[in-house]
Amino acid sequence: MGGFSLIHWIILGVIILLLFGGNRFSAMMSDVAKGLKSFKQGLSEDDEEASRRAAEQHRLGQPDRPIDVTPNPRVADPVAPPPPGPGSDQQPR
């Protein structure tokens, strides 16, 4: 109930072939294949451009380093007391 069985899909396929015809249907499928090929080619061109940009940065001496996002404890809490310096064994008053 609610789902298509195999016989339903076959009947639907025959109706589509009768409406569009075999030649027109194959032309549509070739257009879909060309679109997929163009899409994949566009993705590979983007990858090539990114690798070329990274190689250019590396050649110029600007390595692709990740940005340090470690939080600074003094910035996170500006009211915090300063950390004890070397040689200060005294307790705060």
PDB file of N, CA and C in Angstrom:
ATOM      1  N   MET A   1       0.831  -1.168   0.000  1.00  0.00           N
ATOM      2  CA  MET A   1       0.000   0.000   0.000  1.00  0.00           C
ATOM      3  C   MET A   1       0.891   1.252   0.000  1.00  0.00           C
ATOM      4  N   GLY A   2       0.749   2.104  -0.982  1.00  0.00           N
ATOM      5  CA  GLY A   2       1.490   3.350  -1.030  1.00  0.00           C
ATOM      6  C   GLY A   2       2.779   3.280  -1.815  1.00  0.00           C
ATOM      7  N   GLY A   3       3.287   2.105  -2.134  1.00  0.00           N
ATOM      8  CA  GLY A   3       4.543   1.991  -2.865  1.00  0.00           C
ATOM      9  C   GLY A   3       4.322   1.407  -4.248  1.00  0.00           C
ATOM     10  N   PHE A   4       5.264   1.659  -5.126  1.00  0.00           N
ATOM     11  CA  PHE A   4       5.183   1.104  -6.471  1.00  0.00           C
ATOM     12  C   PHE A   4       5.880  -0.243  -6.509  1.00  0.00           C
ATOM     13  N   SER A   5       5.243  -1.203  -7.173  1.00  0.00           N
ATOM     14  CA  SER A   5       5.888  -2.495  -7.374  1.00  0.00           C
ATOM     15  C   SER A   5       6.608  -2.471  -8.723  1.00  0.00           C
ATOM     16  N   LEU A   6       7.256  -3.549  -9.055  1.00  0.00           N
ATOM     17  CA  LEU A   6       8.028  -3.632 -10.293  1.00  0.00           C
ATOM     18  C   LEU A   6       7.129  -3.463 -11.517  1.00  0.00           C
ATOM     19  N   ILE A   7       5.948  -4.044 -11.493  1.00  0.00           N
ATOM     20  CA  ILE A   7       5.046  -3.949 -12.642  1.00  0.00           C
ATOM     21  C   ILE A   7       4.586  -2.504 -12.862  1.00  0.00           C
ATOM     22  N   HIS A   8       4.414  -1.750 -11.780  1.00  0.00           N
ATOM     23  CA  HIS A   8       4.046  -0.341 -11.915  1.00  0.00           C
ATOM     24  C   HIS A   8       5.149   0.451 -12.621  1.00  0.00           C
ATOM     25  N   TRP A   9       6.406   0.201 -12.243  1.00  0.00           N
ATOM     26  CA  TRP A   9       7.532   0.908 -12.863  1.00  0.00           C
ATOM     27  C   TRP A   9       7.661   0.548 -14.346  1.00  0.00           C
ATOM     28  N   ILE A  10       7.416  -0.710 -14.678  1.00  0.00           N
ATOM     29  CA  ILE A  10       7.499  -1.134 -16.084  1.00  0.00           C
ATOM     30  C   ILE A  10       6.411  -0.439 -16.901  1.00  0.00           C
ATOM     31  N   ILE A  11       5.181  -0.419 -16.389  1.00  0.00           N
ATOM     32  CA  ILE A  11       4.085   0.254 -17.096  1.00  0.00           C
ATOM     33  C   ILE A  11       4.384   1.740 -17.247  1.00  0.00           C
ATOM     34  N   LEU A  12       4.910   2.364 -16.212  1.00  0.00           N
ATOM     35  CA  LEU A  12       5.260   3.783 -16.276  1.00  0.00           C
ATOM     36  C   LEU A  12       6.349   4.024 -17.320  1.00  0.00           C
ATOM     37  N   GLY A  13       7.332   3.162 -17.391  1.00  0.00           N
ATOM     38  CA  GLY A  13       8.392   3.288 -18.388  1.00  0.00           C
ATOM     39  C   GLY A  13       7.868   3.150 -19.808  1.00  0.00           C
ATOM     40  N   VAL A  14       6.942   2.212 -20.026  1.00  0.00           N
ATOM     41  CA  VAL A  14       6.353   2.034 -21.358  1.00  0.00           C
ATOM     42  C   VAL A  14       5.551   3.269 -21.753  1.00  0.00           C
ATOM     43  N   ILE A  15       4.800   3.828 -20.828  1.00  0.00           N
ATOM     44  CA  ILE A  15       4.012   5.034 -21.111  1.00  0.00           C
ATOM     45  C   ILE A  15       4.940   6.202 -21.458  1.00  0.00           C
ATOM     46  N   ILE A  16       6.027   6.356 -20.729  1.00  0.00           N
ATOM     47  CA  ILE A  16       6.977   7.441 -21.018  1.00  0.00           C
ATOM     48  C   ILE A  16       7.597   7.251 -22.392  1.00  0.00           C
ATOM     49  N   LEU A  17       7.963   6.006 -22.730  1.00  0.00           N
ATOM     50  CA  LEU A  17       8.529   5.751 -24.056  1.00  0.00           C
ATOM     51  C   LEU A  17       7.514   6.044 -25.165  1.00  0.00           C
ATOM     52  N   LEU A  18       6.242   5.737 -24.929  1.00  0.00           N
ATOM     53  CA  LEU A  18       5.226   6.024 -25.933  1.00  0.00           C
ATOM     54  C   LEU A  18       5.012   7.529 -26.086  1.00  0.00           C
ATOM     55  N   LEU A  19       5.059   8.258 -24.984  1.00  0.00           N
ATOM     56  CA  LEU A  19       4.841   9.704 -25.049  1.00  0.00           C
ATOM     57  C   LEU A  19       6.015  10.424 -25.717  1.00  0.00           C
ATOM     58  N   PHE A  20       7.208  10.086 -25.304  1.00  0.00           N
ATOM     59  CA  PHE A  20       8.377  10.805 -25.796  1.00  0.00           C
ATOM     60  C   PHE A  20       9.011  10.149 -27.010  1.00  0.00           C
ATOM     61  N   GLY A  21       8.785   8.888 -27.210  1.00  0.00           N
ATOM     62  CA  GLY A  21       9.411   8.171 -28.319  1.00  0.00           C
ATOM     63  C   GLY A  21      10.820   7.757 -27.954  1.00  0.00           C
ATOM     64  N   GLY A  22      11.289   6.709 -28.571  1.00  0.00           N
ATOM     65  CA  GLY A  22      12.616   6.177 -28.256  1.00  0.00           C
ATOM     66  C   GLY A  22      13.733   7.138 -28.606  1.00  0.00           C
ATOM     67  N   ASN A  23      13.616   7.807 -29.746  1.00  0.00           N
ATOM     68  CA  ASN A  23      14.673   8.706 -30.194  1.00  0.00           C
ATOM     69  C   ASN A  23      14.772   9.928 -29.289  1.00  0.00           C
ATOM     70  N   ARG A  24      13.634  10.488 -28.946  1.00  0.00           N
ATOM     71  CA  ARG A  24      13.621  11.687 -28.099  1.00  0.00           C
ATOM     72  C   ARG A  24      14.114  11.358 -26.684  1.00  0.00           C
ATOM     73  N   PHE A  25      13.750  10.183 -26.194  1.00  0.00           N
ATOM     74  CA  PHE A  25      14.181   9.763 -24.855  1.00  0.00           C
ATOM     75  C   PHE A  25      15.695   9.578 -24.807  1.00  0.00           C
ATOM     76  N   SER A  26      16.268   8.960 -25.838  1.00  0.00           N
ATOM     77  CA  SER A  26      17.721   8.764 -25.860  1.00  0.00           C
ATOM     78  C   SER A  26      18.443  10.105 -25.989  1.00  0.00           C
ATOM     79  N   ALA A  27      17.845  11.057 -26.697  1.00  0.00           N
ATOM     80  CA  ALA A  27      18.447  12.388 -26.804  1.00  0.00           C
ATOM     81  C   ALA A  27      18.463  13.078 -25.440  1.00  0.00           C
ATOM     82  N   MET A  28      17.366  12.911 -24.691  1.00  0.00           N
ATOM     83  CA  MET A  28      17.332  13.510 -23.345  1.00  0.00           C
ATOM     84  C   MET A  28      18.382  12.877 -22.439  1.00  0.00           C
ATOM     85  N   MET A  29      18.552  11.561 -22.525  1.00  0.00           N
ATOM     86  CA  MET A  29      19.542  10.887 -21.693  1.00  0.00           C
ATOM     87  C   MET A  29      20.963  11.302 -22.076  1.00  0.00           C
ATOM     88  N   SER A  30      21.203  11.534 -23.362  1.00  0.00           N
ATOM     89  CA  SER A  30      22.545  11.993 -23.755  1.00  0.00           C
ATOM     90  C   SER A  30      22.800  13.411 -23.235  1.00  0.00           C
ATOM     91  N   ASP A  31      21.747  14.246 -23.203  1.00  0.00           N
ATOM     92  CA  ASP A  31      21.899  15.581 -22.632  1.00  0.00           C
ATOM     93  C   ASP A  31      22.216  15.516 -21.141  1.00  0.00           C
ATOM     94  N   VAL A  32      21.572  14.586 -20.445  1.00  0.00           N
ATOM     95  CA  VAL A  32      21.857  14.402 -19.016  1.00  0.00           C
ATOM     96  C   VAL A  32      23.301  13.947 -18.827  1.00  0.00           C
ATOM     97  N   ALA A  33      23.757  13.029 -19.660  1.00  0.00           N
ATOM     98  CA  ALA A  33      25.138  12.540 -19.558  1.00  0.00           C
ATOM     99  C   ALA A  33      26.137  13.666 -19.838  1.00  0.00           C
ATOM    100  N   LYS A  34      25.846  14.513 -20.832  1.00  0.00           N
ATOM    101  CA  LYS A  34      26.733  15.641 -21.118  1.00  0.00           C
ATOM    102  C   LYS A  34      26.772  16.616 -19.944  1.00  0.00           C
ATOM    103  N   GLY A  35      25.625  16.829 -19.310  1.00  0.00           N
ATOM    104  CA  GLY A  35      25.575  17.719 -18.148  1.00  0.00           C
ATOM    105  C   GLY A  35      26.405  17.187 -16.999  1.00  0.00           C
ATOM    106  N   LEU A  36      26.314  15.874 -16.745  1.00  0.00           N
ATOM    107  CA  LEU A  36      27.114  15.271 -15.677  1.00  0.00           C
ATOM    108  C   LEU A  36      28.605  15.368 -15.986  1.00  0.00           C
ATOM    109  N   LYS A  37      28.966  15.138 -17.240  1.00  0.00           N
ATOM    110  CA  LYS A  37      30.373  15.226 -17.633  1.00  0.00           C
ATOM    111  C   LYS A  37      30.893  16.645 -17.452  1.00  0.00           C
ATOM    112  N   SER A  38      30.085  17.630 -17.829  1.00  0.00           N
ATOM    113  CA  SER A  38      30.471  19.031 -17.668  1.00  0.00           C
ATOM    114  C   SER A  38      30.613  19.396 -16.191  1.00  0.00           C
ATOM    115  N   PHE A  39      29.711  18.884 -15.368  1.00  0.00           N
ATOM    116  CA  PHE A  39      29.765  19.139 -13.930  1.00  0.00           C
ATOM    117  C   PHE A  39      31.045  18.574 -13.327  1.00  0.00           C
ATOM    118  N   LYS A  40      31.387  17.338 -13.670  1.00  0.00           N
ATOM    119  CA  LYS A  40      32.610  16.719 -13.154  1.00  0.00           C
ATOM    120  C   LYS A  40      33.853  17.469 -13.623  1.00  0.00           C
ATOM    121  N   GLN A  41      33.831  17.934 -14.871  1.00  0.00           N
ATOM    122  CA  GLN A  41      34.970  18.686 -15.405  1.00  0.00           C
ATOM    123  C   GLN A  41      35.130  20.008 -14.657  1.00  0.00           C
ATOM    124  N   GLY A  42      34.018  20.664 -14.337  1.00  0.00           N
ATOM    125  CA  GLY A  42      34.077  21.910 -13.578  1.00  0.00           C
ATOM    126  C   GLY A  42      34.645  21.696 -12.189  1.00  0.00           C
ATOM    127  N   LEU A  43      34.278  20.580 -11.548  1.00  0.00           N
ATOM    128  CA  LEU A  43      34.826  20.273 -10.227  1.00  0.00           C
ATOM    129  C   LEU A  43      36.330  20.039 -10.295  1.00  0.00           C
ATOM    130  N   SER A  44      36.786  19.314 -11.324  1.00  0.00           N
ATOM    131  CA  SER A  44      38.221  19.042 -11.425  1.00  0.00           C
ATOM    132  C   SER A  44      39.000  20.321 -11.733  1.00  0.00           C
ATOM    133  N   GLU A  45      38.400  21.249 -12.494  1.00  0.00           N
ATOM    134  CA  GLU A  45      39.069  22.529 -12.770  1.00  0.00           C
ATOM    135  C   GLU A  45      39.221  23.339 -11.486  1.00  0.00           C
ATOM    136  N   ASP A  46      38.218  23.293 -10.610  1.00  0.00           N
ATOM    137  CA  ASP A  46      38.321  23.996  -9.332  1.00  0.00           C
ATOM    138  C   ASP A  46      39.441  23.408  -8.481  1.00  0.00           C
ATOM    139  N   ASP A  47      39.568  22.068  -8.487  1.00  0.00           N
ATOM    140  CA  ASP A  47      40.633  21.421  -7.727  1.00  0.00           C
ATOM    141  C   ASP A  47      41.997  21.807  -8.272  1.00  0.00           C
ATOM    142  N   GLU A  48      42.120  21.855  -9.605  1.00  0.00           N
ATOM    143  CA  GLU A  48      43.395  22.231 -10.224  1.00  0.00           C
ATOM    144  C   GLU A  48      43.761  23.671  -9.880  1.00  0.00           C
ATOM    145  N   GLU A  49      42.767  24.549  -9.872  1.00  0.00           N
ATOM    146  CA  GLU A  49      43.027  25.954  -9.547  1.00  0.00           C
ATOM    147  C   GLU A  49      43.487  26.098  -8.096  1.00  0.00           C
ATOM    148  N   ALA A  50      42.867  25.359  -7.183  1.00  0.00           N
ATOM    149  CA  ALA A  50      43.261  25.434  -5.783  1.00  0.00           C
ATOM    150  C   ALA A  50      44.679  24.898  -5.585  1.00  0.00           C
ATOM    151  N   SER A  51      45.027  23.806  -6.250  1.00  0.00           N
ATOM    152  CA  SER A  51      46.379  23.260  -6.101  1.00  0.00           C
ATOM    153  C   SER A  51      47.409  24.195  -6.738  1.00  0.00           C
ATOM    154  N   ARG A  52      47.038  24.839  -7.845  1.00  0.00           N
ATOM    155  CA  ARG A  52      47.948  25.795  -8.486  1.00  0.00           C
ATOM    156  C   ARG A  52      48.166  27.003  -7.567  1.00  0.00           C
ATOM    157  N   ARG A  53      47.120  27.477  -6.903  1.00  0.00           N
ATOM    158  CA  ARG A  53      47.236  28.605  -5.984  1.00  0.00           C
ATOM    159  C   ARG A  53      48.116  28.230  -4.783  1.00  0.00           C
ATOM    160  N   ALA A  54      47.955  27.005  -4.267  1.00  0.00           N
ATOM    161  CA  ALA A  54      48.774  26.556  -3.142  1.00  0.00           C
ATOM    162  C   ALA A  54      50.238  26.440  -3.549  1.00  0.00           C
ATOM    163  N   ALA A  55      50.494  25.959  -4.761  1.00  0.00           N
ATOM    164  CA  ALA A  55      51.877  25.851  -5.236  1.00  0.00           C
ATOM    165  C   ALA A  55      52.499  27.233  -5.397  1.00  0.00           C
ATOM    166  N   GLU A  56      51.721  28.203  -5.856  1.00  0.00           N
ATOM    167  CA  GLU A  56      52.217  29.574  -6.008  1.00  0.00           C
ATOM    168  C   GLU A  56      52.556  30.178  -4.642  1.00  0.00           C
ATOM    169  N   GLN A  57      51.708  29.951  -3.647  1.00  0.00           N
ATOM    170  CA  GLN A  57      51.994  30.458  -2.298  1.00  0.00           C
ATOM    171  C   GLN A  57      53.245  29.805  -1.739  1.00  0.00           C
ATOM    172  N   HIS A  58      53.394  28.514  -1.972  1.00  0.00           N
ATOM    173  CA  HIS A  58      54.574  27.810  -1.465  1.00  0.00           C
ATOM    174  C   HIS A  58      55.839  28.329  -2.148  1.00  0.00           C
ATOM    175  N   ARG A  59      55.740  28.615  -3.442  1.00  0.00           N
ATOM    176  CA  ARG A  59      56.890  29.133  -4.191  1.00  0.00           C
ATOM    177  C   ARG A  59      57.282  30.515  -3.690  1.00  0.00           C
ATOM    178  N   LEU A  60      56.307  31.323  -3.294  1.00  0.00           N
ATOM    179  CA  LEU A  60      56.584  32.667  -2.797  1.00  0.00           C
ATOM    180  C   LEU A  60      57.006  32.675  -1.328  1.00  0.00           C
ATOM    181  N   GLY A  61      57.039  31.515  -0.693  1.00  0.00           N
ATOM    182  CA  GLY A  61      57.461  31.438   0.701  1.00  0.00           C
ATOM    183  C   GLY A  61      56.342  31.694   1.683  1.00  0.00           C
ATOM    184  N   GLN A  62      55.129  31.578   1.235  1.00  0.00           N
ATOM    185  CA  GLN A  62      53.976  31.748   2.107  1.00  0.00           C
ATOM    186  C   GLN A  62      53.300  30.389   2.264  1.00  0.00           C
ATOM    187  N   PRO A  63      53.812  29.552   3.156  1.00  0.00           N
ATOM    188  CA  PRO A  63      53.223  28.224   3.289  1.00  0.00           C
ATOM    189  C   PRO A  63      51.785  28.319   3.776  1.00  0.00           C
ATOM    190  N   ASP A  64      51.026  27.347   3.403  1.00  0.00           N
ATOM    191  CA  ASP A  64      49.617  27.293   3.759  1.00  0.00           C
ATOM    192  C   ASP A  64      49.498  26.726   5.175  1.00  0.00           C
ATOM    193  N   ARG A  65      49.614  27.605   6.176  1.00  0.00           N
ATOM    194  CA  ARG A  65      49.549  27.175   7.568  1.00  0.00           C
ATOM    195  C   ARG A  65      48.155  27.404   8.124  1.00  0.00           C
ATOM    196  N   PRO A  66      47.715  26.519   9.016  1.00  0.00           N
ATOM    197  CA  PRO A  66      46.412  26.754   9.643  1.00  0.00           C
ATOM    198  C   PRO A  66      46.491  27.940  10.604  1.00  0.00           C
ATOM    199  N   ILE A  67      45.396  28.597  10.788  1.00  0.00           N
ATOM    200  CA  ILE A  67      45.321  29.742  11.688  1.00  0.00           C
ATOM    201  C   ILE A  67      45.184  29.227  13.115  1.00  0.00           C
ATOM    202  N   ASP A  68      45.972  29.796  14.031  1.00  0.00           N
ATOM    203  CA  ASP A  68      45.917  29.402  15.432  1.00  0.00           C
ATOM    204  C   ASP A  68      44.698  30.050  16.074  1.00  0.00           C
ATOM    205  N   VAL A  69      43.753  29.231  16.508  1.00  0.00           N
ATOM    206  CA  VAL A  69      42.534  29.742  17.134  1.00  0.00           C
ATOM    207  C   VAL A  69      42.460  29.369  18.612  1.00  0.00           C
ATOM    208  N   THR A  70      43.616  29.073  19.216  1.00  0.00           N
ATOM    209  CA  THR A  70      43.651  28.749  20.630  1.00  0.00           C
ATOM    210  C   THR A  70      43.294  29.988  21.428  1.00  0.00           C
ATOM    211  N   PRO A  71      42.311  29.898  22.333  1.00  0.00           N
ATOM    212  CA  PRO A  71      41.919  31.088  23.081  1.00  0.00           C
ATOM    213  C   PRO A  71      43.014  31.527  24.049  1.00  0.00           C
ATOM    214  N   ASN A  72      43.204  32.814  24.158  1.00  0.00           N
ATOM    215  CA  ASN A  72      44.158  33.388  25.084  1.00  0.00           C
ATOM    216  C   ASN A  72      43.444  33.554  26.423  1.00  0.00           C
ATOM    217  N   PRO A  73      43.946  32.989  27.514  1.00  0.00           N
ATOM    218  CA  PRO A  73      43.221  33.074  28.789  1.00  0.00           C
ATOM    219  C   PRO A  73      43.089  34.513  29.293  1.00  0.00           C
ATOM    220  N   ARG A  74      44.019  35.388  28.981  1.00  0.00           N
ATOM    221  CA  ARG A  74      43.925  36.781  29.439  1.00  0.00           C
ATOM    222  C   ARG A  74      42.824  37.520  28.691  1.00  0.00           C
ATOM    223  N   VAL A  75      42.606  37.170  27.436  1.00  0.00           N
ATOM    224  CA  VAL A  75      41.552  37.821  26.667  1.00  0.00           C
ATOM    225  C   VAL A  75      40.200  37.283  27.100  1.00  0.00           C
ATOM    226  N   ALA A  76      40.137  35.987  27.417  1.00  0.00           N
ATOM    227  CA  ALA A  76      38.871  35.388  27.810  1.00  0.00           C
ATOM    228  C   ALA A  76      38.394  35.940  29.144  1.00  0.00           C
ATOM    229  N   ASP A  77      39.306  36.205  30.074  1.00  0.00           N
ATOM    230  CA  ASP A  77      38.939  36.722  31.391  1.00  0.00           C
ATOM    231  C   ASP A  77      39.897  37.857  31.739  1.00  0.00           C
ATOM    232  N   PRO A  78      39.575  39.097  31.359  1.00  0.00           N
ATOM    233  CA  PRO A  78      40.515  40.203  31.585  1.00  0.00           C
ATOM    234  C   PRO A  78      40.682  40.565  33.056  1.00  0.00           C
ATOM    235  N   VAL A  79      39.843  40.072  33.955  1.00  0.00           N
ATOM    236  CA  VAL A  79      39.935  40.405  35.374  1.00  0.00           C
ATOM    237  C   VAL A  79      40.742  39.357  36.134  1.00  0.00           C
ATOM    238  N   ALA A  80      41.151  38.302  35.499  1.00  0.00           N
ATOM    239  CA  ALA A  80      41.897  37.241  36.167  1.00  0.00           C
ATOM    240  C   ALA A  80      43.234  37.774  36.651  1.00  0.00           C
ATOM    241  N   PRO A  81      43.693  37.300  37.817  1.00  0.00           N
ATOM    242  CA  PRO A  81      44.996  37.753  38.320  1.00  0.00           C
ATOM    243  C   PRO A  81      46.106  37.243  37.413  1.00  0.00           C
ATOM    244  N   PRO A  82      47.215  37.966  37.349  1.00  0.00           N
ATOM    245  CA  PRO A  82      48.311  37.520  36.485  1.00  0.00           C
ATOM    246  C   PRO A  82      48.886  36.209  37.002  1.00  0.00           C
ATOM    247  N   PRO A  83      49.412  35.407  36.123  1.00  0.00           N
ATOM    248  CA  PRO A  83      50.007  34.145  36.561  1.00  0.00           C
ATOM    249  C   PRO A  83      51.258  34.436  37.391  1.00  0.00           C
ATOM    250  N   PRO A  84      51.552  33.550  38.335  1.00  0.00           N
ATOM    251  CA  PRO A  84      52.739  33.785  39.171  1.00  0.00           C
ATOM    252  C   PRO A  84      54.004  33.754  38.336  1.00  0.00           C
ATOM    253  N   GLY A  85      54.890  34.675  38.631  1.00  0.00           N
ATOM    254  CA  GLY A  85      56.148  34.754  37.914  1.00  0.00           C
ATOM    255  C   GLY A  85      57.167  33.808  38.489  1.00  0.00           C
ATOM    256  N   PRO A  86      58.324  33.716  37.879  1.00  0.00           N
ATOM    257  CA  PRO A  86      59.363  32.820  38.411  1.00  0.00           C
ATOM    258  C   PRO A  86      59.899  33.341  39.742  1.00  0.00           C
ATOM    259  N   GLY A  87      60.029  32.444  40.672  1.00  0.00           N
ATOM    260  CA  GLY A  87      60.582  32.797  41.977  1.00  0.00           C
ATOM    261  C   GLY A  87      59.560  33.369  42.952  1.00  0.00           C
ATOM    262  N   SER A  88      58.324  33.430  42.613  1.00  0.00           N
ATOM    263  CA  SER A  88      57.327  33.974  43.553  1.00  0.00           C
ATOM    264  C   SER A  88      56.627  32.806  44.219  1.00  0.00           C
ATOM    265  N   ASP A  89      57.107  32.456  45.399  1.00  0.00           N
ATOM    266  CA  ASP A  89      56.538  31.347  46.157  1.00  0.00           C
ATOM    267  C   ASP A  89      55.525  31.839  47.174  1.00  0.00           C
ATOM    268  N   GLN A  90      55.256  33.120  47.206  1.00  0.00           N
ATOM    269  CA  GLN A  90      54.340  33.679  48.198  1.00  0.00           C
ATOM    270  C   GLN A  90      52.897  33.489  47.758  1.00  0.00           C
ATOM    271  N   GLN A  91      52.051  33.334  48.760  1.00  0.00           N
ATOM    272  CA  GLN A  91      50.624  33.232  48.514  1.00  0.00           C
ATOM    273  C   GLN A  91      50.038  34.632  48.351  1.00  0.00           C
ATOM    274  N   PRO A  92      49.019  34.853  47.513  1.00  0.00           N
ATOM    275  CA  PRO A  92      48.434  36.186  47.399  1.00  0.00           C
ATOM    276  C   PRO A  92      47.732  36.581  48.688  1.00  0.00           C
ATOM    277  N   ARG A  93      47.762  37.870  49.049  1.00  0.00           N
ATOM    278  CA  ARG A  93      47.169  38.347  50.308  1.00  0.00           C
ATOM    279  C   ARG A  93      45.733  38.636  50.176  1.00  0.00           C
TER     280      ARG A  93
END
